[in-house]
N, C-alpha and C. Protein backbone atom coordinates (compact mmCIF):
# COMPACT_ATOMS: atom_id res chain seq x y z
N UNK A 1 -17.36 6.99 -8.04
CA UNK A 1 -17.35 7.31 -9.55
C UNK A 1 -16.04 8.24 -9.35
N UNK A 2 -15.16 8.51 -10.56
CA UNK A 2 -13.96 9.25 -10.91
C UNK A 2 -14.27 10.53 -10.36
N UNK A 3 -13.63 11.11 -9.39
CA UNK A 3 -13.47 12.86 -9.44
C UNK A 3 -12.17 13.38 -9.96
N UNK A 4 -11.35 12.49 -10.46
CA UNK A 4 -10.01 12.96 -11.13
C UNK A 4 -10.20 12.83 -12.40
N UNK A 5 -9.59 13.47 -13.67
CA UNK A 5 -9.64 13.12 -14.89
C UNK A 5 -9.43 11.42 -14.76
N UNK A 6 -9.55 10.70 -15.61
CA UNK A 6 -9.28 9.01 -15.58
C UNK A 6 -9.51 8.67 -17.23
N UNK A 7 -8.86 8.40 -17.64
CA UNK A 7 -8.62 7.64 -19.12
C UNK A 7 -9.17 6.50 -19.13
N UNK A 8 -10.66 6.54 -19.96
CA UNK A 8 -11.36 5.62 -20.10
C UNK A 8 -10.75 4.36 -21.00
N UNK A 9 -10.09 4.81 -22.28
CA UNK A 9 -9.24 4.12 -23.10
C UNK A 9 -8.06 4.44 -22.97
N UNK A 10 -7.51 3.36 -22.20
CA UNK A 10 -5.72 4.00 -21.69
C UNK A 10 -4.85 3.87 -23.60
N UNK A 11 -5.35 3.41 -24.51
CA UNK A 11 -5.06 3.47 -25.87
C UNK A 11 -4.51 4.95 -26.00
N UNK A 12 -5.46 5.88 -25.84
CA UNK A 12 -5.38 7.55 -25.80
C UNK A 12 -4.26 8.16 -25.02
N UNK A 13 -3.88 7.52 -24.06
CA UNK A 13 -2.90 8.18 -22.88
C UNK A 13 -1.84 8.34 -23.71
N UNK A 14 -1.06 9.70 -23.05
CA UNK A 14 -0.16 10.17 -24.15
C UNK A 14 1.07 9.31 -23.82
N UNK A 15 1.84 9.71 -24.22
CA UNK A 15 3.34 9.20 -24.59
C UNK A 15 3.61 8.73 -23.16
N UNK A 16 4.17 9.41 -22.20
CA UNK A 16 4.76 8.93 -20.94
C UNK A 16 3.70 8.50 -20.07
N UNK A 17 2.42 8.28 -20.21
CA UNK A 17 1.71 7.94 -19.45
C UNK A 17 1.28 6.09 -19.92
N UNK A 18 1.19 6.23 -21.60
CA UNK A 18 1.33 5.13 -22.17
C UNK A 18 2.07 3.88 -22.03
N UNK A 19 4.10 4.41 -21.56
CA UNK A 19 4.53 3.35 -21.33
C UNK A 19 4.81 2.85 -20.23
N UNK A 20 4.03 3.79 -18.88
CA UNK A 20 4.09 3.49 -17.91
C UNK A 20 2.62 2.28 -17.90
N UNK A 21 1.62 2.54 -18.21
CA UNK A 21 0.53 2.17 -18.43
C UNK A 21 0.94 0.41 -18.96
N UNK A 22 1.74 0.16 -20.12
CA UNK A 22 2.11 -0.74 -20.90
C UNK A 22 2.95 -1.55 -19.85
N UNK A 23 3.58 -1.00 -19.27
CA UNK A 23 4.38 -1.83 -18.11
C UNK A 23 3.64 -2.41 -17.15
N UNK A 24 2.82 -1.41 -16.57
CA UNK A 24 2.04 -2.54 -15.58
C UNK A 24 1.08 -3.48 -16.04
N UNK A 25 0.53 -3.26 -17.15
CA UNK A 25 -0.56 -4.29 -17.33
C UNK A 25 0.61 -5.82 -18.13
N UNK A 26 1.61 -5.50 -18.27
CA UNK A 26 3.00 -6.62 -18.47
C UNK A 26 2.54 -6.84 -17.26
N UNK A 27 3.17 -6.41 -16.45
CA UNK A 27 3.06 -7.07 -14.92
C UNK A 27 2.18 -7.73 -13.95
N UNK A 28 0.94 -6.94 -14.48
CA UNK A 28 -0.28 -7.17 -13.60
C UNK A 28 -1.37 -7.93 -14.49
N UNK A 29 -1.44 -7.87 -15.66
CA UNK A 29 -2.32 -8.25 -16.52
C UNK A 29 -3.47 -7.22 -16.92
N UNK A 30 -3.22 -6.25 -15.92
CA UNK A 30 -4.53 -5.13 -16.24
C UNK A 30 -3.72 -3.80 -15.65
N UNK A 31 -4.24 -2.78 -16.02
CA UNK A 31 -4.27 -1.26 -15.34
C UNK A 31 -5.33 -0.90 -14.44
N UNK A 32 -4.50 -1.25 -13.14
CA UNK A 32 -5.71 -0.83 -11.95
C UNK A 32 -6.44 0.17 -12.09
N UNK A 33 -7.30 0.64 -11.46
CA UNK A 33 -7.89 1.84 -11.89
C UNK A 33 -7.32 2.75 -10.74
N UNK A 34 -6.95 2.92 -9.75
CA UNK A 34 -5.53 3.72 -8.87
C UNK A 34 -4.52 4.38 -10.12
N UNK A 35 -4.17 3.56 -10.58
CA UNK A 35 -2.68 3.70 -11.70
C UNK A 35 -3.61 4.29 -12.56
N UNK A 36 -4.36 3.82 -13.19
CA UNK A 36 -5.24 4.87 -14.12
C UNK A 36 -5.29 6.26 -13.91
N UNK A 37 -5.81 6.39 -12.87
CA UNK A 37 -6.31 7.62 -12.14
C UNK A 37 -5.02 8.82 -11.78
N UNK A 38 -3.98 7.93 -11.60
CA UNK A 38 -2.79 8.98 -11.25
C UNK A 38 -1.95 9.40 -12.38
N UNK A 39 -1.81 8.13 -13.47
CA UNK A 39 -1.21 8.29 -14.58
C UNK A 39 -2.11 8.85 -16.34
N UNK A 40 -3.13 9.52 -15.58
CA UNK A 40 -3.96 10.04 -16.62
C UNK A 40 -3.60 11.56 -16.52
N UNK A 41 -3.50 11.78 -15.39
CA UNK A 41 -2.92 12.84 -15.08
C UNK A 41 -1.43 13.81 -14.58
N UNK A 42 -1.07 12.58 -14.10
CA UNK A 42 0.57 13.11 -13.40
C UNK A 42 1.46 11.59 -14.01
N UNK A 43 1.54 11.19 -15.11
CA UNK A 43 2.61 10.74 -15.30
C UNK A 43 4.08 10.25 -14.80
N UNK A 44 4.47 11.84 -14.48
CA UNK A 44 5.82 11.48 -13.62
C UNK A 44 5.48 11.33 -11.94
N UNK A 45 4.20 11.57 -11.60
CA UNK A 45 3.68 10.60 -10.08
C UNK A 45 3.79 9.44 -10.12
N UNK A 46 2.58 8.66 -11.24
CA UNK A 46 2.70 7.40 -11.34
C UNK A 46 4.40 6.91 -11.82
N UNK A 47 5.00 7.15 -12.17
CA UNK A 47 6.52 6.79 -12.46
C UNK A 47 7.30 6.43 -11.10
N UNK A 48 7.00 7.56 -10.31
CA UNK A 48 7.70 7.91 -8.47
C UNK A 48 6.86 6.70 -7.70
N UNK A 49 5.87 6.57 -8.23
CA UNK A 49 4.72 5.32 -7.05
C UNK A 49 5.73 3.94 -7.69
N UNK A 50 5.34 3.62 -8.86
CA UNK A 50 6.14 2.68 -9.08
C UNK A 50 7.38 2.14 -8.83
N UNK A 51 8.55 3.52 -9.07
CA UNK A 51 9.78 3.29 -8.80
C UNK A 51 9.85 3.24 -7.19
N UNK A 52 9.17 3.52 -6.29
CA UNK A 52 8.91 3.23 -4.95
C UNK A 52 8.53 1.66 -4.31
N UNK A 53 7.63 1.35 -5.26
CA UNK A 53 7.28 -0.02 -5.09
C UNK A 53 8.24 -0.93 -5.50
N UNK A 54 8.87 -0.56 -6.48
CA UNK A 54 10.61 -1.39 -6.97
C UNK A 54 11.28 -1.01 -5.95
N UNK A 55 11.65 -0.26 -5.21
CA UNK A 55 12.63 -0.06 -4.41
C UNK A 55 12.25 -1.06 -3.09
N UNK A 56 10.76 -0.84 -2.52
CA UNK A 56 10.09 -1.65 -1.47
C UNK A 56 10.75 -2.65 -1.86
N UNK A 57 10.44 -3.62 -2.94
CA UNK A 57 10.45 -5.08 -3.62
C UNK A 57 11.34 -5.80 -3.27
N UNK A 58 12.60 -4.67 -3.80
CA UNK A 58 14.30 -5.07 -3.40
C UNK A 58 14.89 -4.97 -1.84
N UNK A 59 13.65 -4.26 -1.41
CA UNK A 59 14.43 -4.06 0.12
C UNK A 59 14.49 -5.35 1.01
N UNK A 60 14.41 -4.68 2.45
CA UNK A 60 14.62 -6.10 3.20
C UNK A 60 13.08 -6.78 3.90
N UNK A 61 12.21 -6.04 3.57
CA UNK A 61 11.16 -6.42 4.37
C UNK A 61 10.40 -7.17 3.20
N UNK A 62 9.84 -8.14 3.42
CA UNK A 62 9.23 -9.20 2.91
C UNK A 62 7.89 -8.79 2.49
N UNK A 63 7.07 -9.82 1.28
CA UNK A 63 5.71 -9.46 0.74
C UNK A 63 5.05 -9.18 1.86
N UNK A 64 5.19 -10.42 2.95
CA UNK A 64 4.41 -10.59 3.83
C UNK A 64 3.98 -9.19 5.03
N UNK A 65 5.52 -8.60 5.20
CA UNK A 65 5.55 -7.67 6.38
C UNK A 65 5.42 -6.28 5.52
N UNK A 66 5.44 -6.36 3.87
CA UNK A 66 4.75 -5.22 3.40
C UNK A 66 3.34 -5.13 3.31
N UNK A 67 2.99 -6.38 2.91
CA UNK A 67 1.18 -6.41 3.01
C UNK A 67 0.40 -6.47 4.09
N UNK A 68 1.10 -6.68 5.23
CA UNK A 68 0.89 -6.11 6.78
C UNK A 68 0.57 -4.82 6.92
N UNK A 69 1.54 -4.24 6.78
CA UNK A 69 1.95 -2.38 6.52
C UNK A 69 0.52 -2.14 5.79
N UNK A 70 0.23 -2.98 4.65
CA UNK A 70 -0.77 -1.79 3.70
C UNK A 70 -1.99 -2.04 4.08
N UNK A 71 -2.33 -3.36 4.63
CA UNK A 71 -3.68 -3.41 5.29
C UNK A 71 -3.95 -2.98 6.70
N UNK A 72 -3.13 -2.79 7.48
CA UNK A 72 -3.15 -1.75 8.56
C UNK A 72 -3.39 -0.38 8.46
N UNK A 73 -2.55 0.01 7.58
CA UNK A 73 -2.60 1.62 7.23
C UNK A 73 -4.22 1.78 6.50
N UNK A 74 -4.13 1.30 5.38
CA UNK A 74 -5.55 1.58 4.63
C UNK A 74 -6.86 0.99 5.59
N UNK A 75 -6.75 0.30 6.22
CA UNK A 75 -8.07 0.37 7.54
C UNK A 75 -7.92 1.07 8.41
N UNK A 76 -6.91 2.11 8.73
CA UNK A 76 -6.79 3.33 9.41
C UNK A 76 -7.40 4.37 8.76
N UNK A 77 -6.96 4.20 7.42
CA UNK A 77 -7.30 5.55 6.33
C UNK A 77 -8.67 5.05 5.68
N UNK A 78 -9.15 4.16 5.68
CA UNK A 78 -10.89 3.74 5.72
C UNK A 78 -10.61 3.88 4.01
N UNK A 79 -9.50 3.30 3.45
CA UNK A 79 -9.45 3.45 1.85
C UNK A 79 -10.44 2.17 1.52
N UNK A 80 -11.44 1.96 0.70
CA UNK A 80 -12.18 0.90 0.64
C UNK A 80 -11.10 0.38 -0.72
N UNK A 81 -10.56 0.90 -1.37
CA UNK A 81 -10.01 0.71 -3.14
C UNK A 81 -8.69 -0.32 -2.46
N UNK A 82 -8.13 0.57 -1.46
CA UNK A 82 -6.61 -0.22 -1.12
C UNK A 82 -6.79 -1.26 -0.26
N UNK A 83 -7.82 -1.33 0.37
CA UNK A 83 -8.47 -2.53 1.11
C UNK A 83 -8.76 -3.69 0.44
N UNK A 84 -9.55 -3.56 -0.53
CA UNK A 84 -9.57 -4.67 -1.75
C UNK A 84 -8.62 -5.29 -2.53
N UNK A 85 -7.52 -4.16 -2.95
CA UNK A 85 -6.24 -4.73 -3.37
C UNK A 85 -5.51 -5.67 -2.88
N UNK A 86 -5.29 -4.81 -1.08
CA UNK A 86 -4.49 -5.40 -0.50
C UNK A 86 -5.21 -6.83 0.11
N UNK A 87 -6.35 -6.94 0.31
CA UNK A 87 -7.04 -7.89 0.47
C UNK A 87 -6.03 -9.12 -0.27
N UNK A 88 -6.65 -8.59 -1.95
CA UNK A 88 -6.51 -9.65 -2.94
C UNK A 88 -4.66 -10.21 -2.63
N UNK A 89 -3.66 -8.98 -2.79
CA UNK A 89 -2.76 -9.04 -2.60
C UNK A 89 -1.72 -10.14 -1.32
N UNK A 90 -2.46 -9.51 -0.18
CA UNK A 90 -2.19 -10.43 1.21
C UNK A 90 -2.51 -11.80 1.12
N UNK A 91 -3.46 -11.84 0.39
CA UNK A 91 -3.83 -13.62 -0.08
C UNK A 91 -2.68 -13.96 -0.80
N UNK A 92 -2.35 -13.63 -1.69
CA UNK A 92 -1.65 -13.96 -2.68
C UNK A 92 0.16 -14.44 -1.98
N UNK A 93 0.60 -12.92 -0.82
CA UNK A 93 1.42 -13.07 -0.47
C UNK A 93 1.66 -14.42 0.57
N UNK A 94 0.62 -15.13 1.13
CA UNK A 94 0.07 -16.07 1.93
C UNK A 94 -0.74 -16.10 3.02
N UNK A 95 -1.11 -15.07 3.15
CA UNK A 95 -2.31 -14.77 4.45
C UNK A 95 -3.44 -15.47 4.35
N UNK A 96 -3.98 -16.00 5.23
CA UNK A 96 -5.40 -16.28 5.41
C UNK A 96 -6.23 -15.26 5.82
N UNK A 97 -7.63 -15.79 5.19
CA UNK A 97 -8.50 -14.60 5.65
C UNK A 97 -8.48 -13.86 7.22
N UNK A 98 -8.55 -15.27 7.89
CA UNK A 98 -8.46 -14.70 9.13
C UNK A 98 -7.25 -13.63 9.62
N UNK A 99 -6.26 -13.98 8.86
CA UNK A 99 -5.03 -13.11 9.12
C UNK A 99 -5.01 -11.63 8.49
N UNK A 100 -5.81 -11.90 7.39
CA UNK A 100 -5.97 -10.38 6.86
C UNK A 100 -7.23 -9.64 7.78
N UNK A 101 -8.02 -10.46 8.21
CA UNK A 101 -8.58 -9.62 9.25
C UNK A 101 -7.92 -8.83 10.61
N UNK A 102 -7.17 -9.47 11.06
CA UNK A 102 -6.07 -9.45 12.54
C UNK A 102 -5.31 -8.15 11.97
N UNK A 103 -4.65 -8.35 10.50
CA UNK A 103 -3.89 -7.28 10.34
C UNK A 103 -4.59 -5.87 10.02
N UNK A 104 -5.78 -6.10 9.50
CA UNK A 104 -6.89 -4.59 9.24
C UNK A 104 -6.78 -4.19 10.55
N UNK A 105 -7.03 -5.09 11.74
CA UNK A 105 -7.13 -4.20 12.59
C UNK A 105 -5.72 -4.22 13.76
N UNK A 106 -4.77 -4.32 13.41
CA UNK A 106 -3.57 -3.83 13.52
C UNK A 106 -2.46 -4.48 14.30
N UNK A 107 -2.53 -5.64 13.90
CA UNK A 107 -1.75 -6.80 14.62
C UNK A 107 -1.89 -8.08 13.84
N UNK A 108 -1.21 -9.12 14.31
CA UNK A 108 -1.10 -10.45 13.78
C UNK A 108 -0.87 -11.15 15.13
N UNK A 109 -1.92 -12.04 15.47
CA UNK A 109 -1.54 -13.15 16.52
C UNK A 109 -0.55 -14.34 15.82
N UNK A 110 0.40 -14.99 16.68
CA UNK A 110 1.04 -16.41 16.44
C UNK A 110 2.56 -15.73 15.27
N UNK A 111 2.75 -14.44 15.39
CA UNK A 111 4.07 -13.90 14.83
C UNK A 111 4.35 -12.43 15.34
N UNK A 112 5.05 -12.42 16.61
CA UNK A 112 4.84 -11.65 16.81
C UNK A 112 6.18 -10.11 16.25
N UNK A 113 6.88 -10.79 15.45
CA UNK A 113 7.42 -9.99 14.52
C UNK A 113 6.72 -8.68 13.47
N UNK A 114 5.72 -9.62 12.95
CA UNK A 114 4.96 -9.04 12.10
C UNK A 114 3.68 -8.39 12.91
N UNK A 115 3.64 -8.59 14.09
CA UNK A 115 2.41 -7.85 15.15
C UNK A 115 3.15 -6.47 15.48
N UNK A 116 3.97 -6.72 15.59
CA UNK A 116 4.92 -5.57 16.09
C UNK A 116 5.42 -4.55 14.75
N UNK A 117 4.98 -5.27 14.03
CA UNK A 117 5.45 -4.36 12.81
C UNK A 117 4.11 -3.40 12.36
N UNK A 118 3.25 -4.14 12.43
CA UNK A 118 1.76 -3.59 11.92
C UNK A 118 1.70 -2.46 13.14
N UNK A 119 1.73 -2.89 14.49
CA UNK A 119 1.27 -1.93 15.70
C UNK A 119 1.99 -0.63 15.36
N UNK A 120 3.47 -0.93 15.22
CA UNK A 120 4.43 0.22 14.56
C UNK A 120 3.73 1.13 13.64
N UNK A 121 3.33 0.74 12.25
CA UNK A 121 2.81 1.33 11.41
C UNK A 121 1.40 2.08 11.74
N UNK A 122 0.46 1.50 12.34
CA UNK A 122 -0.31 1.71 13.06
C UNK A 122 -0.39 3.09 13.87
N UNK A 123 0.19 2.72 14.94
CA UNK A 123 1.00 3.95 15.60
C UNK A 123 1.43 5.29 15.22
N UNK A 124 2.23 4.86 14.11
CA UNK A 124 3.02 6.16 13.52
C UNK A 124 1.81 6.81 12.37
N UNK A 125 0.67 6.27 11.83
CA UNK A 125 -0.45 7.08 11.37
C UNK A 125 -1.36 7.56 11.86
N UNK A 126 -2.09 6.81 13.47
CA UNK A 126 -2.78 7.63 13.80
C UNK A 126 -2.13 8.34 15.13
N UNK A 127 -1.25 8.60 15.47
CA UNK A 127 -0.59 9.75 16.34
C UNK A 127 0.04 10.74 15.74
N UNK A 128 0.73 11.74 16.93
CA UNK A 128 0.66 13.08 16.35
C UNK A 128 2.08 13.02 17.06
N UNK A 129 2.94 14.18 16.58
CA UNK A 129 4.08 14.63 17.63
C UNK A 129 5.35 13.84 17.21
N UNK A 130 6.17 13.77 18.12
CA UNK A 130 7.48 12.64 17.65
C UNK A 130 6.91 11.33 18.30
N UNK A 131 7.04 10.08 17.74
CA UNK A 131 7.02 8.71 18.20
C UNK A 131 7.50 8.46 19.55
N UNK A 132 6.84 7.79 20.51
CA UNK A 132 7.38 7.65 21.71
C UNK A 132 8.80 6.92 21.61
N UNK A 133 9.22 6.88 22.57
CA UNK A 133 10.89 5.80 22.22
C UNK A 133 9.94 4.15 22.68
N UNK A 134 9.34 4.15 23.33
CA UNK A 134 8.64 2.84 23.83
C UNK A 134 8.59 2.01 22.22
N UNK A 135 7.43 3.24 21.57
CA UNK A 135 7.06 2.12 20.22
C UNK A 135 8.30 1.91 19.07
N UNK A 136 9.24 2.71 19.54
CA UNK A 136 10.62 2.38 18.38
C UNK A 136 11.20 1.19 18.86
N UNK A 137 11.29 1.08 20.52
CA UNK A 137 11.77 0.03 21.00
C UNK A 137 11.22 -1.10 20.51
N UNK A 138 9.75 -1.05 20.67
CA UNK A 138 9.03 -2.04 20.51
C UNK A 138 9.44 -2.68 18.76
N UNK A 139 9.55 -2.13 18.05
CA UNK A 139 9.50 -2.45 16.24
C UNK A 139 10.95 -3.31 16.36
N UNK A 140 12.78 -2.27 17.22
CA UNK A 140 13.31 -2.98 17.04
C UNK A 140 13.60 -3.96 18.24
N UNK A 141 13.00 -4.35 19.05
CA UNK A 141 12.90 -5.23 20.03
C UNK A 141 12.43 -6.57 19.27
N UNK A 142 11.36 -6.18 18.56
CA UNK A 142 10.71 -7.48 17.67
C UNK A 142 12.03 -8.00 16.34
N UNK A 143 12.92 -7.45 16.38
CA UNK A 143 14.08 -7.72 15.27
C UNK A 143 14.74 -7.05 14.15
N UNK A 144 13.41 -5.78 14.07
CA UNK A 144 13.66 -4.78 12.61
C UNK A 144 14.80 -4.09 13.24
N UNK A 145 15.89 -4.19 11.96
CA UNK A 145 16.91 -3.05 11.78
C UNK A 145 16.30 -1.58 11.58
N UNK A 146 17.36 -0.92 11.97
CA UNK A 146 16.82 0.64 11.58
C UNK A 146 17.13 0.69 9.77
N UNK A 147 17.47 -0.13 9.25
CA UNK A 147 17.16 0.09 7.82
C UNK A 147 15.55 -0.55 7.39
N UNK A 148 15.26 -1.65 8.22
CA UNK A 148 13.74 -2.19 8.21
C UNK A 148 12.78 -1.27 8.26
N UNK A 149 13.14 -0.24 9.34
CA UNK A 149 12.47 0.62 9.84
C UNK A 149 12.20 1.88 9.09
N UNK A 150 13.31 2.30 8.31
CA UNK A 150 13.34 3.31 7.60
C UNK A 150 12.50 2.42 6.21
N UNK A 151 12.73 1.57 5.34
CA UNK A 151 11.92 0.98 4.38
C UNK A 151 10.08 0.90 5.03
N UNK A 152 10.17 0.31 6.60
CA UNK A 152 8.61 0.61 6.49
C UNK A 152 8.00 1.82 6.44
N UNK A 153 8.55 2.69 7.14
CA UNK A 153 8.34 4.09 7.17
C UNK A 153 7.88 4.58 5.38
N UNK A 154 8.51 4.02 4.19
CA UNK A 154 8.49 4.49 2.97
C UNK A 154 7.02 3.28 2.54
N UNK A 155 7.15 2.41 3.06
CA UNK A 155 6.13 1.59 2.60
C UNK A 155 4.73 2.30 3.30
N UNK A 156 4.92 2.94 4.48
CA UNK A 156 3.81 3.62 5.16
C UNK A 156 3.05 4.91 4.26
N UNK A 157 4.10 5.40 3.97
CA UNK A 157 4.73 6.95 3.04
C UNK A 157 3.51 6.37 1.80
N UNK A 158 4.08 5.21 1.17
CA UNK A 158 3.40 4.72 -0.03
C UNK A 158 2.20 4.46 -0.20
N UNK A 159 1.49 3.51 0.81
CA UNK A 159 0.41 3.00 0.94
C UNK A 159 -0.60 4.18 1.47
N UNK A 160 -0.21 5.36 2.11
CA UNK A 160 -1.03 6.76 2.48
C UNK A 160 -1.51 7.50 1.13
N UNK A 161 -0.18 7.69 -0.01
CA UNK A 161 -0.61 8.22 -0.69
C UNK A 161 -1.46 7.41 -1.62
N UNK A 162 -1.60 6.58 -1.76
CA UNK A 162 -2.56 5.74 -2.45
C UNK A 162 -4.06 5.80 -1.90
N UNK A 163 -3.55 5.47 -0.77
CA UNK A 163 -4.96 5.79 0.29
C UNK A 163 -5.53 7.31 -0.21
N UNK A 164 -4.71 8.32 0.09
CA UNK A 164 -5.69 9.62 -0.21
C UNK A 164 -5.58 9.45 -1.49
N UNK A 165 -4.97 9.42 -2.62
CA UNK A 165 -5.51 9.31 -4.03
C UNK A 165 -6.64 8.68 -4.04
N UNK A 166 -7.11 7.45 -3.49
CA UNK A 166 -8.41 7.29 -3.95
C UNK A 166 -9.70 7.87 -3.13
N UNK A 167 -9.15 7.90 -2.11
CA UNK A 167 -10.23 8.81 -1.25
C UNK A 167 -10.86 9.64 -1.51
N UNK A 168 -9.75 10.62 -2.29
CA UNK A 168 -10.06 12.01 -3.08
C UNK A 168 -10.79 11.97 -4.28
N UNK A 169 -10.51 10.87 -5.09
CA UNK A 169 -11.00 10.39 -6.66
C UNK A 169 -12.18 9.58 -6.39
N UNK A 170 -12.52 9.04 -5.08
CA UNK A 170 -13.53 8.01 -5.31
C UNK A 170 -13.26 6.49 -5.83
N UNK A 171 -11.96 6.48 -6.19
CA UNK A 171 -11.58 5.53 -7.60
C UNK A 171 -12.84 4.00 -7.43
N UNK A 172 -13.00 3.72 -8.47
CA UNK A 172 -14.10 2.68 -8.78
C UNK A 172 -13.21 1.38 -8.37
N UNK A 173 -13.76 0.24 -7.32
CA UNK A 173 -12.87 -0.97 -7.57
C UNK A 173 -13.21 -1.80 -8.46
N UNK A 174 -11.92 -2.11 -8.70
CA UNK A 174 -12.25 -3.15 -10.00
C UNK A 174 -11.33 -4.31 -9.46
N UNK A 175 -11.53 -4.40 -7.79
CA UNK A 175 -10.74 -5.92 -7.41
C UNK A 175 -11.91 -6.15 -6.54
N UNK A 176 -12.12 -7.48 -5.91
CA UNK A 176 -13.21 -7.48 -5.46
C UNK A 176 -13.18 -6.90 -3.92
N UNK A 177 -14.62 -6.35 -3.70
CA UNK A 177 -14.34 -5.43 -2.44
C UNK A 177 -14.26 -6.27 -0.95
N UNK A 178 -13.56 -5.64 -0.26
CA UNK A 178 -13.00 -6.31 1.12
C UNK A 178 -13.93 -6.86 2.44
N UNK A 179 -13.85 -7.83 2.39
CA UNK A 179 -15.10 -8.20 3.42
C UNK A 179 -15.15 -7.20 4.65
């Protein structure tokens, strides 16, 4: 049950939200409940979320790498909404159900580069203080550049924001529940 004000009829959205919702619907075929919750009260925040996602899509990390981050971090946060959404988008990016389960546990057998990235993301969100030199060296040794590491940190921040919104809001699932 939504805890934050969420428009039930997006046609009633204020102008700033309506334009964002129209763009999302055109791109995705619908406005996911998480975006509806954010845009209903804070269109400027939704615009920032969408801009961040656009920046990440234009970056050097592949869709598979971004989904690896989304799945590992969403599992660590225990966000049922993002797990459902990114299980679907992870499959669309090319992951099998078995690989999605592995990524949710923080790794990926058979792909040392993405395995290192998922482990890096998980370490970053589950530890405190300065990250160990070994953790940074591990992701660099797997082949990631400083730019890609910074993009990964942005992706981690973006999914954490969505995770937190959905955990606060208790956003109603509009994707198939993640197994």
